[in-house]
Amino acid sequence: MELRKTLAVWLTVMTAACSCNREAFKSVDNVVFIQDARLEEAGQTLSPGDAFHLHGIGCQQTDNVMLTFTWETGDATIPVGKVSGIYAKKQAVTPVGITAVLPYRYPAADVEVSVIREGKLQRIGLLRITDGQSPKELRLYGVSHVSCKIDGFMLDMNNACQKSLEVALPENLHSVINVPRSYGLCGISGKDGHRTAVCVDFFTGEVKTRAIDVMALFLTPSNAAVAVVCHDGICALQTLPIEIGADYMTKSDAPGPVQPTFAMPDGLKPEYFGNYPGVSIGTEESTSYLLSANKGDGNWTAVMLDKEGFHIMEDIAAESLIPFRAGSDAGYIATYGGLSLFRLVNPENGTIGQAIYTCKIGQIISATSNSEKPGHILLNVSETSNGLQIYDLAWNDTKSLSHITLPNSANDYAEVLMAN
């Protein structure tokens, strides 16, 4: 559901004491409002994704439908939650009516429906919406290029999975990341010089393009999804607009400062990047990002991106070079057949140390972590005798591995991650 979050526009409208709305909305600053305006579903309870209907004389294609959500939080400190300035997606507009759709990702709430015309607000009516929030618990998602599907699983206390979701996979989706409480995944789609950042909405199944000319994706420490976009050798950072749960909206949508641009390092090309998501390293006040560049024939380059630009750290011969983060540690996994070496990066000087841990159970295909489980890495491992298997690696002194059991009907996955 495409929403535009804006600052709420508040206007007190004087109404006449009559039983209809014809005189209720006279022109204000030369704006003529909808006459006989009413909400067909006034007083009813609808579900997220349901259509609702505004009727009246003089509806215009340029009218926007704005929603204000108000709900009881159950928190004595802040008993009432409120989100305003939410623009509903319009399905149809005629001179005598507007059909729009209620969004997902909001709690059960009272919804005030208004129309914005030329910056002025006309309140139309009230309805109620049922709970449509994003799931709070972490779930496991697998990206299959064989079935062309994304599968979702709920885990029990014994790391056994029950399938909960199946959606179509966009073309060649890879380097997948999740913004918490978005109930969707973003990744790179396409190949070579025609790669885009797309986001899949699990509520609706919609796939939306969020950036073009994409080189790589990563999450910031504050869980913003960022694309590194490059054109003619010049790269910049672009934050992807992601819809998240209303109760998780803790940051302003105001645009940030103009992003700097960076030149591509000599010997590297944008198409070398993007096999795996980047990861953050350092503190929130001084954050850098680890990326890997695949130059082909088993030759990789470890690259750090900071506010000054790209820095080549080391050329590494390996079958794959996967950035990883676990707790406060970050580095690379270099794979060699059935061996995978975990090497940490020093955030102060950008040097890569020797292997701190060697995984011998098989070749690691993907390695992801989630900020809600900071001391764990989810590994997708290709075992010689058992095929692809999924493990939870506890990043502690013992580096203990726990197998995650998928249903027999599960696919082989190119990437797996924990997300909500």
Protein backbone atom coordinates (compact mmCIF):
# COMPACT_ATOMS: atom_id res chain seq x y z
CA MET A 1 0.00 0.00 0.00
CA GLU A 2 1.64 3.18 -1.15
CA LEU A 3 1.45 5.85 1.53
CA ARG A 4 2.86 9.35 1.69
CA LYS A 5 3.64 10.45 5.19
CA THR A 6 3.46 14.25 5.51
CA LEU A 7 3.10 16.77 8.27
CA ALA A 8 -0.50 16.95 9.43
CA VAL A 9 -2.48 19.91 8.15
CA TRP A 10 -4.91 21.18 10.76
CA LEU A 11 -7.74 23.56 9.99
CA THR A 12 -10.77 24.47 12.11
CA VAL A 13 -13.82 24.66 9.89
CA MET A 14 -16.93 26.47 11.10
CA THR A 15 -20.02 24.41 10.39
CA ALA A 16 -23.62 25.47 10.12
CA ALA A 17 -26.28 23.81 12.26
CA CYS A 18 -28.01 21.76 9.60
CA SER A 19 -28.60 18.10 8.96
CA CYS A 20 -26.67 17.95 5.69
CA ASN A 21 -23.18 18.93 4.57
CA ARG A 22 -24.16 21.27 1.72
CA GLU A 23 -23.60 24.40 3.80
CA ALA A 24 -20.99 22.84 6.07
CA PHE A 25 -18.08 23.40 3.74
CA LYS A 26 -18.20 26.78 2.12
CA SER A 27 -15.20 28.16 0.29
CA VAL A 28 -12.19 29.02 2.41
CA ASP A 29 -9.60 31.23 0.76
CA ASN A 30 -11.40 30.67 -2.55
CA VAL A 31 -11.33 26.86 -2.20
CA VAL A 32 -14.69 25.29 -3.04
CA PHE A 33 -15.13 22.01 -1.17
CA ILE A 34 -17.13 18.89 -2.06
CA GLN A 35 -20.87 19.42 -1.59
CA ASP A 36 -23.09 16.88 0.16
CA ALA A 37 -19.88 15.09 1.24
CA ARG A 38 -20.36 11.87 3.14
CA LEU A 39 -18.50 8.66 3.94
CA GLU A 40 -20.40 5.54 2.88
CA GLU A 41 -18.76 3.41 5.59
CA ALA A 42 -19.15 5.98 8.39
CA GLY A 43 -19.36 4.22 11.76
CA GLN A 44 -18.39 0.83 10.29
CA THR A 45 -15.36 -1.34 11.11
CA LEU A 46 -13.20 -2.24 8.11
CA SER A 47 -9.99 -4.21 7.63
CA PRO A 48 -6.63 -3.10 6.21
CA GLY A 49 -6.74 -3.32 2.43
CA ASP A 50 -10.51 -2.69 2.30
CA ALA A 51 -11.87 -0.01 -0.01
CA PHE A 52 -13.93 2.89 1.36
CA HIS A 53 -16.05 5.38 -0.54
CA LEU A 54 -16.49 9.15 -0.37
CA HIS A 55 -19.58 10.56 -2.05
CA GLY A 56 -20.37 14.15 -2.96
CA ILE A 57 -20.70 16.67 -5.73
CA GLY A 58 -17.57 18.16 -7.24
CA CYS A 59 -14.85 15.57 -6.53
CA GLN A 60 -11.63 16.29 -8.41
CA GLN A 61 -8.76 14.13 -9.66
CA THR A 62 -6.33 16.28 -7.68
CA ASP A 63 -8.14 15.67 -4.36
CA ASN A 64 -6.11 13.70 -1.83
CA VAL A 65 -7.66 11.52 0.86
CA MET A 66 -5.96 11.99 4.23
CA LEU A 67 -6.33 9.67 7.21
CA THR A 68 -5.77 10.27 10.92
CA PHE A 69 -5.42 7.21 13.18
CA THR A 70 -6.14 7.36 16.92
CA TRP A 71 -5.91 4.35 19.25
CA GLU A 72 -5.51 3.36 22.90
CA THR A 73 -1.96 2.20 23.59
CA GLY A 74 -2.50 0.47 26.93
CA ASP A 75 0.45 2.50 28.23
CA ALA A 76 -0.38 4.71 31.19
CA THR A 77 2.46 7.08 30.27
CA ILE A 78 1.19 7.66 26.73
CA PRO A 79 -2.40 6.37 26.76
CA VAL A 80 -3.34 7.51 23.25
CA GLY A 81 -1.43 6.97 20.03
CA LYS A 82 -2.03 9.19 17.03
CA VAL A 83 -0.69 9.29 13.48
CA SER A 84 -1.96 11.91 11.06
CA GLY A 85 -1.14 13.10 7.58
CA ILE A 86 -1.41 9.60 6.03
CA TYR A 87 -2.50 9.76 2.41
CA ALA A 88 -4.60 6.80 1.28
CA LYS A 89 -4.09 5.23 -2.13
CA LYS A 90 -6.91 6.25 -4.46
CA GLN A 91 -8.48 3.59 -6.67
CA ALA A 92 -10.98 5.70 -8.59
CA VAL A 93 -12.15 9.31 -8.79
CA THR A 94 -15.33 10.54 -10.50
CA PRO A 95 -17.11 13.90 -10.23
CA VAL A 96 -19.42 12.37 -7.58
CA GLY A 97 -17.10 10.14 -5.57
CA ILE A 98 -13.67 8.87 -4.55
CA THR A 99 -12.76 5.26 -3.80
CA ALA A 100 -9.62 4.73 -1.70
CA VAL A 101 -7.99 1.90 0.25
CA LEU A 102 -7.15 1.56 3.93
CA PRO A 103 -3.45 0.94 4.58
CA TYR A 104 -1.74 -1.83 6.52
CA ARG A 105 0.73 -1.50 9.43
CA TYR A 106 -1.56 0.32 11.87
CA PRO A 107 -3.15 -0.92 15.10
CA ALA A 108 -6.90 -1.16 15.58
CA ALA A 109 -7.92 2.49 15.57
CA ASP A 110 -10.51 5.14 14.94
CA VAL A 111 -9.86 6.67 11.52
CA GLU A 112 -10.86 10.18 10.56
CA VAL A 113 -11.24 10.53 6.78
CA SER A 114 -10.63 13.94 5.22
CA VAL A 115 -10.03 15.41 1.79
CA ILE A 116 -7.17 17.79 1.07
CA ARG A 117 -7.81 20.26 -1.74
CA GLU A 118 -5.34 23.03 -2.53
CA GLY A 119 -3.83 22.69 0.94
CA LYS A 120 -7.15 22.96 2.76
CA LEU A 121 -8.79 20.18 4.75
CA GLN A 122 -12.39 18.98 4.62
CA ARG A 123 -13.37 16.43 7.24
CA ILE A 124 -15.69 13.81 5.78
CA GLY A 125 -16.38 11.15 8.41
CA LEU A 126 -15.16 8.51 10.86
CA LEU A 127 -14.74 4.75 10.58
CA ARG A 128 -12.78 2.11 12.46
CA ILE A 129 -10.01 -0.20 11.25
CA THR A 130 -9.01 -3.60 12.64
CA ASP A 131 -5.46 -4.45 13.65
CA GLY A 132 -3.07 -4.57 10.69
CA GLN A 133 0.29 -4.20 12.39
CA SER A 134 3.50 -5.77 11.20
CA PRO A 135 4.51 -8.90 13.13
CA LYS A 136 6.77 -8.15 16.08
CA GLU A 137 8.37 -11.58 16.42
CA LEU A 138 11.33 -12.58 14.27
CA ARG A 139 10.66 -15.05 11.46
CA LEU A 140 12.95 -16.92 9.11
CA TYR A 141 12.76 -16.11 5.40
CA GLY A 142 14.32 -18.07 2.56
CA VAL A 143 14.91 -16.76 -0.97
CA SER A 144 14.64 -19.55 -3.57
CA HIS A 145 15.74 -19.01 -7.16
CA VAL A 146 14.54 -22.55 -7.96
CA SER A 147 10.88 -22.09 -7.06
CA CYS A 148 11.06 -18.28 -7.60
CA LYS A 149 9.46 -17.78 -4.20
CA ILE A 150 10.17 -16.19 -0.84
CA ASP A 151 9.11 -18.54 1.95
CA GLY A 152 8.49 -17.42 5.52
CA PHE A 153 8.67 -19.64 8.62
CA MET A 154 7.81 -19.24 12.29
CA LEU A 155 10.29 -20.90 14.66
CA ASP A 156 9.45 -22.69 17.87
CA MET A 157 11.65 -23.07 20.95
CA ASN A 158 13.39 -26.08 19.40
CA ASN A 159 14.36 -24.24 16.19
CA ALA A 160 11.76 -26.17 14.20
CA CYS A 161 9.94 -24.18 11.51
CA GLN A 162 6.33 -23.92 10.41
CA LYS A 163 5.66 -22.26 7.08
CA SER A 164 3.70 -19.01 7.38
CA LEU A 165 4.17 -17.19 4.07
CA GLU A 166 4.85 -17.65 0.37
CA VAL A 167 5.20 -14.78 -2.12
CA ALA A 168 6.53 -14.50 -5.66
CA LEU A 169 10.21 -13.64 -6.07
CA PRO A 170 11.18 -10.64 -8.23
CA GLU A 171 13.67 -11.32 -11.01
CA ASN A 172 17.03 -12.51 -9.68
CA LEU A 173 16.44 -10.99 -6.23
CA HIS A 174 19.58 -11.16 -4.09
CA SER A 175 21.53 -9.27 -1.42
CA VAL A 176 18.36 -9.21 0.66
CA ILE A 177 17.83 -7.00 3.74
CA ASN A 178 14.94 -6.25 6.10
CA VAL A 179 13.92 -3.04 7.86
CA PRO A 180 12.43 -4.02 11.26
CA ARG A 181 8.63 -3.97 11.44
CA SER A 182 8.26 -3.44 7.68
CA TYR A 183 6.90 -6.96 7.01
CA GLY A 184 8.75 -7.13 3.73
CA LEU A 185 12.17 -7.56 2.19
CA CYS A 186 14.31 -5.39 -0.05
CA GLY A 187 17.02 -6.58 -2.39
CA ILE A 188 18.80 -6.06 -5.69
CA SER A 189 16.94 -7.19 -8.79
CA GLY A 190 18.27 -7.55 -12.33
CA LYS A 191 21.78 -8.09 -13.61
CA ASP A 192 24.92 -6.19 -14.58
CA GLY A 193 24.23 -2.55 -15.53
CA HIS A 194 20.45 -2.77 -15.06
CA ARG A 195 20.14 -3.43 -11.34
CA THR A 196 17.43 -1.87 -9.21
CA ALA A 197 16.58 -1.90 -5.52
CA VAL A 198 13.13 -3.41 -5.10
CA CYS A 199 11.02 -4.01 -2.01
CA VAL A 200 8.45 -6.79 -1.61
CA ASP A 201 5.43 -6.01 0.58
CA PHE A 202 4.30 -9.20 2.37
CA PHE A 203 0.89 -7.71 3.15
CA THR A 204 -0.05 -7.05 -0.46
CA GLY A 205 2.52 -8.98 -2.53
CA GLU A 206 3.38 -5.74 -4.35
CA VAL A 207 6.91 -5.18 -5.63
CA LYS A 208 8.06 -1.58 -5.79
CA THR A 209 11.24 -0.20 -7.34
CA ARG A 210 12.97 2.12 -4.88
CA ALA A 211 16.27 2.95 -6.63
CA ILE A 212 18.05 2.42 -9.96
CA ASP A 213 21.72 1.96 -10.90
CA VAL A 214 22.22 0.07 -7.64
CA MET A 215 25.64 -1.24 -6.70
CA ALA A 216 25.01 -2.52 -3.16
CA LEU A 217 22.58 -2.42 -0.23
CA PHE A 218 23.10 -2.18 3.52
CA LEU A 219 21.32 -1.30 6.77
CA THR A 220 22.53 1.58 8.92
CA PRO A 221 22.85 1.20 12.72
CA SER A 222 19.46 2.98 12.97
CA ASN A 223 17.94 0.40 10.59
CA ALA A 224 17.54 2.61 7.53
CA ALA A 225 17.85 0.75 4.21
CA VAL A 226 20.45 2.40 1.99
CA ALA A 227 21.40 1.77 -1.62
CA VAL A 228 24.79 2.65 -3.07
CA VAL A 229 23.88 3.97 -6.51
CA CYS A 230 26.47 4.57 -9.23
CA HIS A 231 26.39 6.22 -12.64
CA ASP A 232 29.40 6.92 -14.86
CA GLY A 233 31.80 5.99 -12.07
CA ILE A 234 30.28 8.37 -9.50
CA CYS A 235 28.45 6.85 -6.53
CA ALA A 236 26.12 8.20 -3.86
CA LEU A 237 23.96 6.90 -1.02
CA GLN A 238 20.18 6.78 -1.37
CA THR A 239 17.88 5.94 1.54
CA LEU A 240 15.01 3.71 0.46
CA PRO A 241 11.49 4.78 1.51
CA ILE A 242 10.15 1.88 3.58
CA GLU A 243 6.74 1.58 5.21
CA ILE A 244 6.96 0.37 8.83
CA GLY A 245 4.57 -0.30 11.70
CA ALA A 246 2.91 2.78 13.22
CA ASP A 247 4.11 1.89 16.72
CA TYR A 248 7.69 1.70 15.39
CA MET A 249 7.70 5.17 13.84
CA THR A 250 10.35 6.79 16.01
CA LYS A 251 12.24 8.86 13.46
CA SER A 252 11.33 11.89 11.40
CA ASP A 253 10.65 11.55 7.70
CA ALA A 254 12.29 14.89 7.05
CA PRO A 255 14.98 14.66 4.35
CA GLY A 256 18.55 14.60 5.57
CA PRO A 257 21.45 16.70 4.32
CA VAL A 258 22.64 16.40 0.74
CA GLN A 259 24.53 13.13 0.39
CA PRO A 260 28.17 13.27 -0.72
CA THR A 261 29.37 11.54 -3.87
CA PHE A 262 32.26 9.11 -4.19
CA ALA A 263 34.43 8.03 -7.09
CA MET A 264 34.71 4.33 -7.86
CA PRO A 265 38.19 3.02 -6.91
CA ASP A 266 40.59 2.21 -9.74
CA GLY A 267 40.32 -1.37 -10.92
CA LEU A 268 36.79 -1.88 -9.60
CA LYS A 269 33.41 -1.61 -11.32
CA PRO A 270 29.89 -1.27 -9.85
CA GLU A 271 28.87 -4.66 -11.26
CA TYR A 272 31.56 -6.34 -9.10
CA PHE A 273 29.51 -5.49 -5.99
CA GLY A 274 26.16 -6.61 -4.67
CA ASN A 275 26.58 -10.36 -4.26
CA TYR A 276 25.98 -9.82 -0.53
CA PRO A 277 24.60 -6.97 1.59
CA GLY A 278 27.09 -4.68 3.24
CA VAL A 279 27.37 -4.48 7.03
CA SER A 280 28.11 -1.62 9.40
CA ILE A 281 31.23 -1.37 11.52
CA GLY A 282 32.24 1.11 14.20
CA THR A 283 29.98 3.25 16.37
CA GLU A 284 26.77 5.04 15.45
CA GLU A 285 28.72 8.32 15.64
CA SER A 286 31.48 7.01 13.35
CA THR A 287 30.10 4.30 11.12
CA SER A 288 31.69 2.68 8.10
CA TYR A 289 30.38 -0.12 5.89
CA LEU A 290 32.05 -3.30 4.68
CA LEU A 291 31.42 -4.32 1.08
CA SER A 292 32.87 -7.10 -1.10
CA ALA A 293 33.71 -6.90 -4.80
CA ASN A 294 33.78 -10.05 -6.95
CA LYS A 295 36.33 -9.58 -9.74
CA GLY A 296 35.81 -13.12 -11.01
CA ASP A 297 37.92 -16.29 -11.12
CA GLY A 298 38.03 -16.50 -7.33
CA ASN A 299 39.40 -13.00 -6.85
CA TRP A 300 37.67 -10.68 -4.39
CA THR A 301 38.38 -7.27 -2.92
CA ALA A 302 37.36 -6.17 0.57
CA VAL A 303 36.20 -2.53 0.48
CA MET A 304 35.32 -0.13 3.28
CA LEU A 305 32.97 2.80 2.64
CA ASP A 306 33.00 5.76 5.01
CA LYS A 307 32.20 9.47 4.76
CA GLU A 308 35.40 10.02 2.80
CA GLY A 309 34.59 7.40 0.16
CA PHE A 310 35.74 3.89 -0.78
CA HIS A 311 38.91 2.33 0.64
CA ILE A 312 40.39 -0.90 -0.67
CA MET A 313 41.51 -2.97 2.29
CA GLU A 314 42.73 -6.23 0.82
CA ASP A 315 42.54 -8.46 -2.26
CA ILE A 316 41.51 -11.96 -1.20
CA ALA A 317 41.49 -15.19 -3.19
CA ALA A 318 38.40 -17.18 -2.18
CA GLU A 319 35.28 -18.82 -3.55
CA SER A 320 33.21 -16.12 -1.86
CA LEU A 321 33.75 -13.16 0.45
CA ILE A 322 30.74 -12.43 2.66
CA PRO A 323 30.56 -9.38 4.96
CA PHE A 324 29.22 -10.29 8.41
CA ARG A 325 28.38 -8.62 11.69
CA ALA A 326 27.85 -10.19 15.11
CA GLY A 327 27.43 -8.01 18.18
CA SER A 328 30.16 -5.36 18.07
CA ASP A 329 32.33 -7.46 15.73
CA ALA A 330 32.30 -7.17 11.95
CA GLY A 331 34.42 -8.62 9.19
CA TYR A 332 34.42 -11.09 6.31
CA ILE A 333 33.80 -14.78 5.79
CA ALA A 334 36.18 -16.17 3.18
CA THR A 335 35.02 -19.56 1.89
CA TYR A 336 37.20 -22.32 0.48
CA GLY A 337 35.11 -25.37 -0.37
CA GLY A 338 34.06 -26.90 2.95
CA LEU A 339 36.05 -24.39 5.01
CA SER A 340 34.90 -20.89 5.91
CA LEU A 341 37.23 -18.46 7.67
CA PHE A 342 35.80 -15.64 9.81
CA ARG A 343 38.17 -12.66 9.78
CA LEU A 344 37.52 -9.49 11.77
CA VAL A 345 38.14 -5.95 10.53
CA ASN A 346 39.76 -3.34 12.78
CA PRO A 347 37.41 -0.33 12.55
CA GLU A 348 40.20 2.08 13.50
CA ASN A 349 42.61 1.35 10.66
CA GLY A 350 40.65 -0.89 8.28
CA THR A 351 43.00 -3.86 8.49
CA ILE A 352 41.73 -7.43 8.27
CA GLY A 353 43.01 -9.83 10.88
CA GLN A 354 43.65 -13.55 10.69
CA ALA A 355 40.81 -16.01 11.06
CA ILE A 356 39.21 -15.86 14.50
CA TYR A 357 36.93 -18.82 13.74
CA THR A 358 36.90 -21.60 11.16
CA CYS A 359 33.62 -23.28 10.20
CA LYS A 360 34.18 -26.78 8.81
CA ILE A 361 30.65 -28.09 8.31
CA GLY A 362 30.40 -26.98 4.67
CA GLN A 363 30.55 -23.97 2.37
CA ILE A 364 28.65 -20.96 3.69
CA ILE A 365 26.30 -19.57 1.03
CA SER A 366 24.90 -16.66 3.02
CA ALA A 367 25.41 -15.17 6.48
CA THR A 368 23.03 -12.62 7.98
CA SER A 369 22.32 -11.11 11.39
CA ASN A 370 19.50 -9.15 12.99
CA SER A 371 19.77 -6.29 15.47
CA GLU A 372 17.25 -8.03 17.75
CA LYS A 373 19.64 -11.02 18.03
CA PRO A 374 22.99 -9.19 18.03
CA GLY A 375 25.05 -12.15 19.19
CA HIS A 376 23.89 -14.55 16.47
CA ILE A 377 24.57 -15.17 12.78
CA LEU A 378 22.18 -17.12 10.57
CA LEU A 379 24.20 -19.35 8.26
CA ASN A 380 23.04 -21.01 5.05
CA VAL A 381 25.49 -23.87 4.51
CA SER A 382 26.01 -26.25 1.60
CA GLU A 383 26.97 -29.63 3.09
CA THR A 384 28.44 -32.36 0.93
CA SER A 385 26.13 -35.09 2.19
CA ASN A 386 23.04 -33.16 3.30
CA GLY A 387 22.72 -30.33 0.80
CA LEU A 388 21.73 -26.88 2.03
CA GLN A 389 21.26 -26.63 5.79
CA ILE A 390 20.55 -23.68 8.07
CA TYR A 391 22.37 -23.02 11.34
CA ASP A 392 22.28 -20.41 14.07
CA LEU A 393 25.84 -19.49 15.08
CA ALA A 394 26.05 -18.08 18.60
CA TRP A 395 28.90 -15.58 18.46
CA ASN A 396 30.40 -16.32 21.86
CA ASP A 397 33.58 -17.87 23.21
CA THR A 398 32.58 -21.35 22.05
CA LYS A 399 31.05 -20.30 18.69
CA SER A 400 28.29 -22.89 19.11
CA LEU A 401 26.15 -23.99 16.15
CA SER A 402 22.44 -24.92 16.39
CA HIS A 403 20.70 -26.61 13.48
CA ILE A 404 17.38 -25.15 12.32
CA THR A 405 14.93 -27.74 11.05
CA LEU A 406 12.81 -26.80 8.04
CA PRO A 407 9.71 -28.68 6.86
CA ASN A 408 10.30 -31.39 4.27
CA SER A 409 8.50 -29.25 1.71
CA ALA A 410 11.00 -26.40 2.08
CA ASN A 411 13.08 -25.33 -0.91
CA ASP A 412 16.82 -24.93 -1.24
CA TYR A 413 17.52 -21.27 -0.52
CA ALA A 414 20.15 -18.97 -1.96
CA GLU A 415 19.79 -16.65 1.04
CA VAL A 416 18.17 -16.89 4.47
CA LEU A 417 17.63 -14.22 7.10
CA MET A 418 15.76 -13.51 10.32
CA ALA A 419 13.37 -10.59 9.90
CA ASN A 420 10.10 -9.04 11.04
